Amino acid sequence: MEILFESRFQKDLKKIKDKKIRQKAKEVILQCKQAGQLNEINNLKKMQGYQTFYRIRLGDYRIGIELSENTLIFTRFLHRKEIYRFFP
């Protein structure tokens, strides 16, 4: 799958100080690049009420993703208390 990153996602990722969480995020991004279909991505869940929005769970953090044809757009990377206010 093709991967794109929004500037908000990159800013959110830079704000994370925990190196373990950052490393897990990199692993998830690599897994998404290698995946041929959505069901090959671990901890991926469709957002209720939205056709093209998904989230990936990383401990207490969530990665907000939008699917556009065969492209995954990484939109936000926030704590679980904040993600649902700002995404989608």
N, C-alpha and C. Protein backbone atom coordinates (compact mmCIF):
# COMPACT_ATOMS: atom_id res chain seq x y z
N MET A 1 0.83 -1.18 0.00
CA MET A 1 0.00 0.00 0.00
C MET A 1 0.88 1.25 0.00
N GLU A 2 0.36 2.28 -0.61
CA GLU A 2 1.07 3.55 -0.62
C GLU A 2 0.77 4.29 0.69
N ILE A 3 1.76 4.99 1.21
CA ILE A 3 1.64 5.68 2.49
C ILE A 3 1.90 7.17 2.29
N LEU A 4 1.03 8.01 2.87
CA LEU A 4 1.23 9.46 2.89
C LEU A 4 1.10 9.94 4.33
N PHE A 5 1.81 11.03 4.66
CA PHE A 5 1.76 11.59 6.00
C PHE A 5 1.32 13.04 5.92
N GLU A 6 0.31 13.40 6.71
CA GLU A 6 -0.08 14.80 6.82
C GLU A 6 0.86 15.49 7.79
N SER A 7 1.00 16.79 7.64
CA SER A 7 1.91 17.55 8.50
C SER A 7 1.48 17.46 9.97
N ARG A 8 0.18 17.39 10.23
CA ARG A 8 -0.30 17.27 11.61
C ARG A 8 0.20 15.98 12.25
N PHE A 9 0.24 14.90 11.48
CA PHE A 9 0.73 13.62 12.00
C PHE A 9 2.20 13.74 12.38
N GLN A 10 2.99 14.36 11.52
CA GLN A 10 4.42 14.52 11.79
C GLN A 10 4.66 15.39 13.02
N LYS A 11 3.87 16.44 13.19
CA LYS A 11 3.99 17.30 14.38
C LYS A 11 3.61 16.53 15.64
N ASP A 12 2.53 15.76 15.55
CA ASP A 12 2.10 14.95 16.70
C ASP A 12 3.18 13.95 17.09
N LEU A 13 3.82 13.33 16.11
CA LEU A 13 4.85 12.34 16.37
C LEU A 13 6.07 12.97 17.03
N LYS A 14 6.43 14.17 16.61
CA LYS A 14 7.58 14.87 17.20
C LYS A 14 7.34 15.24 18.66
N LYS A 15 6.09 15.45 19.04
CA LYS A 15 5.75 15.83 20.42
C LYS A 15 5.87 14.67 21.40
N ILE A 16 5.87 13.44 20.90
CA ILE A 16 5.95 12.26 21.76
C ILE A 16 7.38 12.10 22.24
N LYS A 17 7.57 12.09 23.56
CA LYS A 17 8.91 12.00 24.12
C LYS A 17 9.32 10.57 24.45
N ASP A 18 8.36 9.69 24.59
CA ASP A 18 8.63 8.29 24.93
C ASP A 18 9.20 7.56 23.70
N LYS A 19 10.44 7.11 23.82
CA LYS A 19 11.12 6.48 22.68
C LYS A 19 10.49 5.13 22.32
N LYS A 20 9.94 4.42 23.30
CA LYS A 20 9.31 3.13 23.01
C LYS A 20 8.08 3.32 22.12
N ILE A 21 7.29 4.35 22.43
CA ILE A 21 6.09 4.62 21.62
C ILE A 21 6.49 5.04 20.22
N ARG A 22 7.52 5.88 20.10
CA ARG A 22 8.00 6.30 18.78
C ARG A 22 8.46 5.09 17.96
N GLN A 23 9.19 4.17 18.61
CA GLN A 23 9.68 2.98 17.92
C GLN A 23 8.52 2.11 17.46
N LYS A 24 7.50 1.96 18.32
CA LYS A 24 6.32 1.18 17.94
C LYS A 24 5.61 1.82 16.75
N ALA A 25 5.56 3.15 16.73
CA ALA A 25 4.92 3.86 15.62
C ALA A 25 5.67 3.58 14.32
N LYS A 26 7.00 3.57 14.37
CA LYS A 26 7.79 3.27 13.18
C LYS A 26 7.52 1.85 12.70
N GLU A 27 7.40 0.91 13.64
CA GLU A 27 7.12 -0.48 13.27
C GLU A 27 5.74 -0.60 12.61
N VAL A 28 4.77 0.14 13.13
CA VAL A 28 3.42 0.11 12.55
C VAL A 28 3.44 0.67 11.13
N ILE A 29 4.19 1.74 10.92
CA ILE A 29 4.30 2.34 9.59
C ILE A 29 4.92 1.35 8.61
N LEU A 30 5.97 0.65 9.04
CA LEU A 30 6.58 -0.37 8.18
C LEU A 30 5.60 -1.50 7.88
N GLN A 31 4.85 -1.91 8.88
CA GLN A 31 3.86 -2.97 8.68
C GLN A 31 2.80 -2.53 7.67
N CYS A 32 2.40 -1.27 7.73
CA CYS A 32 1.40 -0.76 6.79
C CYS A 32 1.95 -0.71 5.37
N LYS A 33 3.22 -0.36 5.23
CA LYS A 33 3.84 -0.32 3.90
C LYS A 33 3.89 -1.71 3.28
N GLN A 34 4.15 -2.72 4.10
CA GLN A 34 4.29 -4.08 3.60
C GLN A 34 2.95 -4.78 3.39
N ALA A 35 1.91 -4.25 3.99
CA ALA A 35 0.59 -4.89 3.92
C ALA A 35 -0.02 -4.71 2.53
N GLY A 36 -0.63 -5.76 2.04
CA GLY A 36 -1.33 -5.69 0.77
C GLY A 36 -2.80 -5.32 0.95
N GLN A 37 -3.34 -5.67 2.12
CA GLN A 37 -4.74 -5.40 2.43
C GLN A 37 -4.84 -4.90 3.86
N LEU A 38 -5.98 -4.30 4.19
CA LEU A 38 -6.17 -3.74 5.53
C LEU A 38 -6.17 -4.81 6.61
N ASN A 39 -6.68 -5.99 6.31
CA ASN A 39 -6.77 -7.02 7.35
C ASN A 39 -5.40 -7.58 7.75
N GLU A 40 -4.34 -7.18 7.08
CA GLU A 40 -2.99 -7.61 7.43
C GLU A 40 -2.34 -6.69 8.46
N ILE A 41 -3.02 -5.60 8.83
CA ILE A 41 -2.48 -4.63 9.78
C ILE A 41 -3.05 -4.92 11.16
N ASN A 42 -2.16 -5.10 12.15
CA ASN A 42 -2.58 -5.41 13.52
C ASN A 42 -3.22 -4.19 14.19
N ASN A 43 -4.18 -4.45 15.05
CA ASN A 43 -4.85 -3.43 15.87
C ASN A 43 -5.55 -2.35 15.06
N LEU A 44 -5.91 -2.63 13.83
CA LEU A 44 -6.62 -1.67 12.98
C LEU A 44 -8.12 -1.84 13.20
N LYS A 45 -8.81 -0.73 13.39
CA LYS A 45 -10.25 -0.78 13.63
C LYS A 45 -10.91 0.36 12.87
N LYS A 46 -12.04 0.05 12.22
CA LYS A 46 -12.79 1.06 11.47
C LYS A 46 -13.51 1.98 12.44
N MET A 47 -13.54 3.27 12.14
CA MET A 47 -14.23 4.25 12.97
C MET A 47 -15.72 4.18 12.68
N GLN A 48 -16.54 4.12 13.72
CA GLN A 48 -17.98 4.04 13.54
C GLN A 48 -18.51 5.32 12.91
N GLY A 49 -19.38 5.14 11.92
CA GLY A 49 -20.03 6.28 11.29
C GLY A 49 -19.24 6.91 10.16
N TYR A 50 -18.07 6.37 9.84
CA TYR A 50 -17.23 6.93 8.78
C TYR A 50 -16.84 5.80 7.83
N GLN A 51 -16.87 6.09 6.54
CA GLN A 51 -16.56 5.08 5.54
C GLN A 51 -15.06 4.86 5.36
N THR A 52 -14.27 5.92 5.48
CA THR A 52 -12.86 5.82 5.09
C THR A 52 -11.87 6.05 6.23
N PHE A 53 -12.34 6.14 7.48
CA PHE A 53 -11.44 6.45 8.59
C PHE A 53 -11.23 5.23 9.49
N TYR A 54 -9.97 5.03 9.89
CA TYR A 54 -9.57 3.91 10.73
C TYR A 54 -8.65 4.42 11.82
N ARG A 55 -8.45 3.58 12.84
CA ARG A 55 -7.48 3.91 13.88
C ARG A 55 -6.67 2.67 14.21
N ILE A 56 -5.43 2.91 14.63
CA ILE A 56 -4.56 1.84 15.08
C ILE A 56 -4.22 2.12 16.54
N ARG A 57 -4.36 1.12 17.38
CA ARG A 57 -4.10 1.27 18.81
C ARG A 57 -2.64 0.95 19.10
N LEU A 58 -1.97 1.87 19.82
CA LEU A 58 -0.60 1.66 20.29
C LEU A 58 -0.55 1.98 21.78
N GLY A 59 -0.88 1.05 22.63
CA GLY A 59 -0.91 1.32 24.06
C GLY A 59 -1.95 2.38 24.37
N ASP A 60 -1.52 3.49 24.97
CA ASP A 60 -2.43 4.59 25.29
C ASP A 60 -2.55 5.59 24.15
N TYR A 61 -1.92 5.34 23.03
CA TYR A 61 -1.95 6.26 21.89
C TYR A 61 -2.73 5.64 20.74
N ARG A 62 -3.22 6.50 19.85
CA ARG A 62 -3.96 6.07 18.68
C ARG A 62 -3.42 6.78 17.45
N ILE A 63 -3.33 6.05 16.34
CA ILE A 63 -2.95 6.62 15.06
C ILE A 63 -4.22 6.72 14.22
N GLY A 64 -4.55 7.92 13.77
CA GLY A 64 -5.71 8.13 12.93
C GLY A 64 -5.32 8.02 11.46
N ILE A 65 -6.04 7.19 10.71
CA ILE A 65 -5.71 6.91 9.32
C ILE A 65 -6.94 7.10 8.45
N GLU A 66 -6.71 7.64 7.25
CA GLU A 66 -7.77 7.74 6.25
C GLU A 66 -7.37 6.87 5.07
N LEU A 67 -8.31 6.10 4.54
CA LEU A 67 -8.07 5.25 3.38
C LEU A 67 -8.65 5.92 2.16
N SER A 68 -7.81 6.15 1.16
CA SER A 68 -8.26 6.75 -0.09
C SER A 68 -7.75 5.86 -1.22
N GLU A 69 -8.67 5.10 -1.82
CA GLU A 69 -8.35 4.09 -2.84
C GLU A 69 -7.32 3.12 -2.27
N ASN A 70 -6.09 3.07 -2.79
CA ASN A 70 -5.07 2.16 -2.29
C ASN A 70 -4.00 2.92 -1.50
N THR A 71 -4.36 4.06 -0.93
CA THR A 71 -3.42 4.90 -0.21
C THR A 71 -3.87 5.08 1.23
N LEU A 72 -2.95 4.86 2.16
CA LEU A 72 -3.21 5.13 3.57
C LEU A 72 -2.63 6.50 3.90
N ILE A 73 -3.47 7.38 4.43
CA ILE A 73 -3.03 8.72 4.80
C ILE A 73 -3.00 8.78 6.33
N PHE A 74 -1.80 8.88 6.89
CA PHE A 74 -1.65 9.00 8.33
C PHE A 74 -1.98 10.43 8.71
N THR A 75 -3.05 10.61 9.51
CA THR A 75 -3.59 11.93 9.78
C THR A 75 -3.20 12.47 11.15
N ARG A 76 -3.40 11.68 12.21
CA ARG A 76 -3.10 12.14 13.57
C ARG A 76 -2.46 11.04 14.39
N PHE A 77 -1.69 11.44 15.42
CA PHE A 77 -1.08 10.52 16.38
C PHE A 77 -1.20 11.16 17.75
N LEU A 78 -2.24 10.77 18.51
CA LEU A 78 -2.54 11.43 19.77
C LEU A 78 -2.85 10.42 20.87
N HIS A 79 -2.84 10.90 22.11
CA HIS A 79 -3.22 10.10 23.27
C HIS A 79 -4.69 9.71 23.14
N ARG A 80 -5.06 8.62 23.74
CA ARG A 80 -6.43 8.11 23.60
C ARG A 80 -7.49 9.07 24.13
N LYS A 81 -7.12 9.94 25.07
CA LYS A 81 -8.07 10.91 25.60
C LYS A 81 -8.32 12.06 24.62
N GLU A 82 -7.39 12.30 23.71
CA GLU A 82 -7.48 13.44 22.80
C GLU A 82 -7.88 13.09 21.38
N ILE A 83 -7.58 11.88 20.94
CA ILE A 83 -7.73 11.53 19.52
C ILE A 83 -9.15 11.71 19.02
N TYR A 84 -10.14 11.39 19.81
CA TYR A 84 -11.51 11.42 19.32
C TYR A 84 -12.09 12.83 19.28
N ARG A 85 -11.39 13.79 19.90
CA ARG A 85 -11.78 15.20 19.77
C ARG A 85 -11.28 15.80 18.47
N PHE A 86 -10.11 15.35 18.01
CA PHE A 86 -9.45 15.96 16.86
C PHE A 86 -9.48 15.10 15.60
N PHE A 87 -9.92 13.86 15.70
CA PHE A 87 -9.95 12.96 14.55
C PHE A 87 -11.29 12.25 14.53
N PRO A 88 -11.94 12.04 13.44
CA PRO A 88 -11.66 12.53 12.10
C PRO A 88 -12.16 13.90 12.01
